[in-house]
Amino acid sequence: MSDNSEAPGTPSAAPAGGTTPGPQPEPLRFFGTTWVDHDGGYGLRRAGVTVGSLVAAVAACFVLRFAYQGLEIAEVGSLVGMLVVLMFAICSAIAFRKTWEGFTRRPADPAQDDRLRGLKSIGFIGSLLAYFFRSLQEAPGEKLRRAEYETALDRYTKRRSSRTGNPAARKGTKGKRSGRR
């Protein structure tokens, strides 16, 4: 969440030459900042992401099927074939879980998340399926970013409202000195 930088795709209501004061929404992949007000083709983008992630997952399954058939043609044995299927199934399950968790909360340990990048690459079908199922409900990551954005807006408005007015003009201020300059 950036406090003063304008995110791409955000309409500018700022004075000429400046940015809008206050926090700016963080853009989502494929959606930019259209998730804030559900404008700018948000519905079409969500439909496109939903269909696209499902098509990509199905295509990936076909690619894996061709790879498995290549193993059968090479006659590597049933143990190797079983291990390959098991590896992709486990990696896909872990990738699904980690991708799904990434839509609901920030990783507690980003270094751990980086270490799992290879495993998530192997289980890319799980990540694609998580993206598909989440896009049926909302833009993937929208709920997390919306909560962060609204919290930042609340903090910003509280901070701004507590600073309004001239503090010297307030009545009953403590520490007022009489007659000295």
Protein backbone atom coordinates (compact mmCIF):
# COMPACT_ATOMS: atom_id res chain seq x y z
CA MET A 1 0.00 0.00 0.00
CA SER A 2 1.57 3.26 -1.01
CA ASP A 3 0.65 6.37 0.89
CA ASN A 4 1.29 9.03 -1.71
CA SER A 5 2.13 7.45 -5.05
CA GLU A 6 -0.55 7.09 -7.67
CA ALA A 7 -1.16 3.53 -8.81
CA PRO A 8 -1.59 2.82 -12.51
CA GLY A 9 -5.20 2.76 -13.60
CA THR A 10 -6.38 5.05 -10.82
CA PRO A 11 -8.29 8.07 -12.05
CA SER A 12 -6.54 11.21 -10.92
CA ALA A 13 -8.61 13.63 -8.88
CA ALA A 14 -5.45 15.41 -7.82
CA PRO A 15 -4.49 18.99 -8.38
CA ALA A 16 -2.48 19.60 -11.53
CA GLY A 17 1.04 18.26 -11.21
CA GLY A 18 0.45 16.36 -7.95
CA THR A 19 -0.82 13.06 -6.69
CA THR A 20 -3.99 12.41 -4.76
CA PRO A 21 -3.28 12.78 -1.06
CA GLY A 22 -3.68 9.68 1.01
CA PRO A 23 -3.19 5.99 0.39
CA GLN A 24 -3.53 4.59 -3.11
CA PRO A 25 -4.90 1.12 -3.91
CA GLU A 26 -2.39 -1.56 -4.80
CA PRO A 27 -2.95 -2.89 -8.32
CA LEU A 28 -3.82 -6.54 -8.88
CA ARG A 29 -2.46 -8.62 -11.75
CA PHE A 30 -4.83 -8.40 -14.75
CA PHE A 31 -7.09 -5.94 -12.89
CA GLY A 32 -4.98 -2.90 -12.08
CA THR A 33 -7.02 -0.85 -9.63
CA THR A 34 -10.41 -1.58 -11.23
CA TRP A 35 -11.18 -3.80 -8.22
CA VAL A 36 -11.70 -0.74 -6.00
CA ASP A 37 -14.94 0.44 -7.62
CA HIS A 38 -15.54 -2.55 -9.94
CA ASP A 39 -15.28 -0.24 -12.94
CA GLY A 40 -13.19 -0.16 -16.10
CA GLY A 41 -14.30 -3.54 -17.41
CA TYR A 42 -13.89 -5.34 -14.08
CA GLY A 43 -16.60 -7.90 -14.88
CA LEU A 44 -15.13 -8.71 -18.28
CA ARG A 45 -11.66 -8.99 -16.81
CA ARG A 46 -12.91 -11.36 -14.13
CA ALA A 47 -14.67 -13.50 -16.73
CA GLY A 48 -11.52 -13.50 -18.85
CA VAL A 49 -9.33 -14.50 -15.92
CA THR A 50 -11.75 -17.25 -14.94
CA VAL A 51 -11.94 -18.74 -18.42
CA GLY A 52 -8.25 -18.16 -19.10
CA SER A 53 -7.04 -19.88 -15.95
CA LEU A 54 -9.31 -22.87 -16.55
CA VAL A 55 -8.20 -23.18 -20.19
CA ALA A 56 -4.56 -22.90 -19.12
CA ALA A 57 -5.05 -25.61 -16.47
CA VAL A 58 -6.68 -27.95 -18.98
CA ALA A 59 -3.92 -27.28 -21.52
CA ALA A 60 -1.32 -27.96 -18.82
CA CYS A 61 -2.99 -31.30 -18.05
CA PHE A 62 -2.70 -32.24 -21.73
CA VAL A 63 0.98 -31.30 -21.74
CA LEU A 64 1.56 -33.45 -18.66
CA ARG A 65 -0.34 -36.29 -20.30
CA PHE A 66 1.92 -36.09 -23.34
CA ALA A 67 4.96 -36.08 -21.06
CA TYR A 68 3.66 -39.18 -19.27
CA GLN A 69 3.07 -40.89 -22.61
CA GLY A 70 6.67 -40.07 -23.48
CA LEU A 71 7.75 -41.87 -20.32
CA GLU A 72 5.65 -44.89 -21.35
CA ILE A 73 7.19 -44.90 -24.83
CA ALA A 74 10.66 -44.74 -23.27
CA GLU A 75 9.68 -47.75 -21.13
CA VAL A 76 11.21 -46.34 -17.97
CA GLY A 77 9.12 -48.58 -15.78
CA SER A 78 6.00 -48.29 -13.73
CA LEU A 79 7.85 -47.05 -10.61
CA VAL A 80 9.20 -43.97 -12.38
CA GLY A 81 5.80 -43.25 -13.93
CA MET A 82 4.14 -43.56 -10.56
CA LEU A 83 6.74 -41.27 -8.93
CA VAL A 84 6.24 -38.61 -11.62
CA VAL A 85 2.46 -38.66 -11.18
CA LEU A 86 2.84 -38.58 -7.40
CA MET A 87 5.32 -35.69 -7.59
CA PHE A 88 3.02 -33.58 -9.76
CA ALA A 89 0.02 -34.38 -7.57
CA ILE A 90 1.80 -33.40 -4.34
CA CYS A 91 3.39 -30.29 -5.86
CA SER A 92 0.04 -29.23 -7.32
CA ALA A 93 -1.68 -29.65 -3.96
CA ILE A 94 0.99 -27.57 -2.19
CA ALA A 95 0.92 -24.94 -4.95
CA PHE A 96 -2.89 -24.74 -4.71
CA ARG A 97 -2.74 -24.27 -0.94
CA LYS A 98 0.03 -21.67 -1.00
CA THR A 99 -1.60 -19.74 -3.86
CA TRP A 100 -4.96 -19.78 -2.08
CA GLU A 101 -3.36 -18.58 1.16
CA GLY A 102 -1.69 -15.78 -0.80
CA PHE A 103 -5.14 -14.49 -1.74
CA THR A 104 -6.26 -14.25 1.89
CA ARG A 105 -3.16 -13.07 3.78
CA ARG A 106 0.37 -11.87 3.26
CA PRO A 107 3.07 -14.49 3.79
CA ALA A 108 4.46 -14.44 7.32
CA ASP A 109 7.91 -15.30 5.99
CA PRO A 110 8.56 -14.03 2.45
CA ALA A 111 11.87 -15.92 2.35
CA GLN A 112 10.00 -19.20 2.92
CA ASP A 113 7.62 -18.27 0.12
CA ASP A 114 10.59 -17.63 -2.18
CA ARG A 115 12.04 -21.04 -1.31
CA LEU A 116 8.79 -22.68 -2.41
CA ARG A 117 8.85 -20.96 -5.80
CA GLY A 118 10.37 -24.01 -7.55
CA LEU A 119 7.85 -26.34 -5.98
CA LYS A 120 5.03 -24.03 -7.02
CA SER A 121 6.45 -24.01 -10.56
CA ILE A 122 6.27 -27.79 -10.72
CA GLY A 123 2.72 -27.73 -9.33
CA PHE A 124 1.58 -24.95 -11.66
CA ILE A 125 -1.72 -26.72 -12.30
CA GLY A 126 -2.63 -26.25 -8.63
CA SER A 127 -1.85 -22.53 -8.87
CA LEU A 128 -3.97 -22.21 -12.01
CA LEU A 129 -6.86 -24.01 -10.36
CA ALA A 130 -6.61 -21.79 -7.26
CA TYR A 131 -6.70 -18.76 -9.54
CA PHE A 132 -9.76 -20.20 -11.34
CA PHE A 133 -11.73 -20.96 -8.18
CA ARG A 134 -10.90 -17.62 -6.57
CA SER A 135 -11.86 -15.66 -9.69
CA LEU A 136 -15.33 -17.23 -9.53
CA GLN A 137 -15.85 -15.32 -6.27
CA GLU A 138 -13.74 -12.15 -6.72
CA ALA A 139 -10.59 -10.86 -8.32
CA PRO A 140 -7.85 -13.05 -6.84
CA GLY A 141 -6.41 -11.12 -3.91
CA GLU A 142 -9.16 -8.49 -3.90
CA LYS A 143 -10.42 -9.24 -0.38
CA LEU A 144 -6.94 -8.92 1.13
CA ARG A 145 -6.09 -5.74 -0.77
CA ARG A 146 -9.50 -4.21 -0.01
CA ALA A 147 -9.07 -4.81 3.72
CA GLU A 148 -5.57 -3.30 3.64
CA TYR A 149 -6.74 -0.34 1.56
CA GLU A 150 -9.72 0.41 3.81
CA THR A 151 -7.53 0.16 6.91
CA ALA A 152 -5.04 2.58 5.34
CA LEU A 153 -7.86 4.96 4.40
CA ASP A 154 -9.25 4.86 7.95
CA ARG A 155 -5.81 5.55 9.42
CA TYR A 156 -5.29 8.38 6.96
CA THR A 157 -8.64 10.05 7.71
CA LYS A 158 -8.06 9.73 11.47
CA ARG A 159 -4.61 11.21 11.11
CA ARG A 160 -5.94 14.05 8.94
CA SER A 161 -8.91 14.79 11.21
CA SER A 162 -6.72 14.98 14.32
CA ARG A 163 -4.54 17.61 12.64
CA THR A 164 -7.23 19.98 11.44
CA GLY A 165 -7.34 23.52 12.68
CA ASN A 166 -4.80 25.74 14.30
CA PRO A 167 -3.62 24.19 17.57
CA ALA A 168 -2.76 27.63 18.98
CA ALA A 169 -6.37 28.75 18.53
CA ARG A 170 -7.83 25.90 20.57
CA LYS A 171 -9.53 26.94 23.76
CA GLY A 172 -8.29 25.68 27.07
CA THR A 173 -4.86 24.65 25.88
CA LYS A 174 -2.51 23.65 28.66
CA GLY A 175 0.75 25.43 29.19
CA LYS A 176 -0.57 28.82 28.08
CA ARG A 177 1.67 31.61 29.26
CA SER A 178 0.10 34.87 30.15
CA GLY A 179 1.74 38.13 29.25
CA ARG A 180 5.11 36.81 28.09
CA ARG A 181 6.54 37.02 24.63
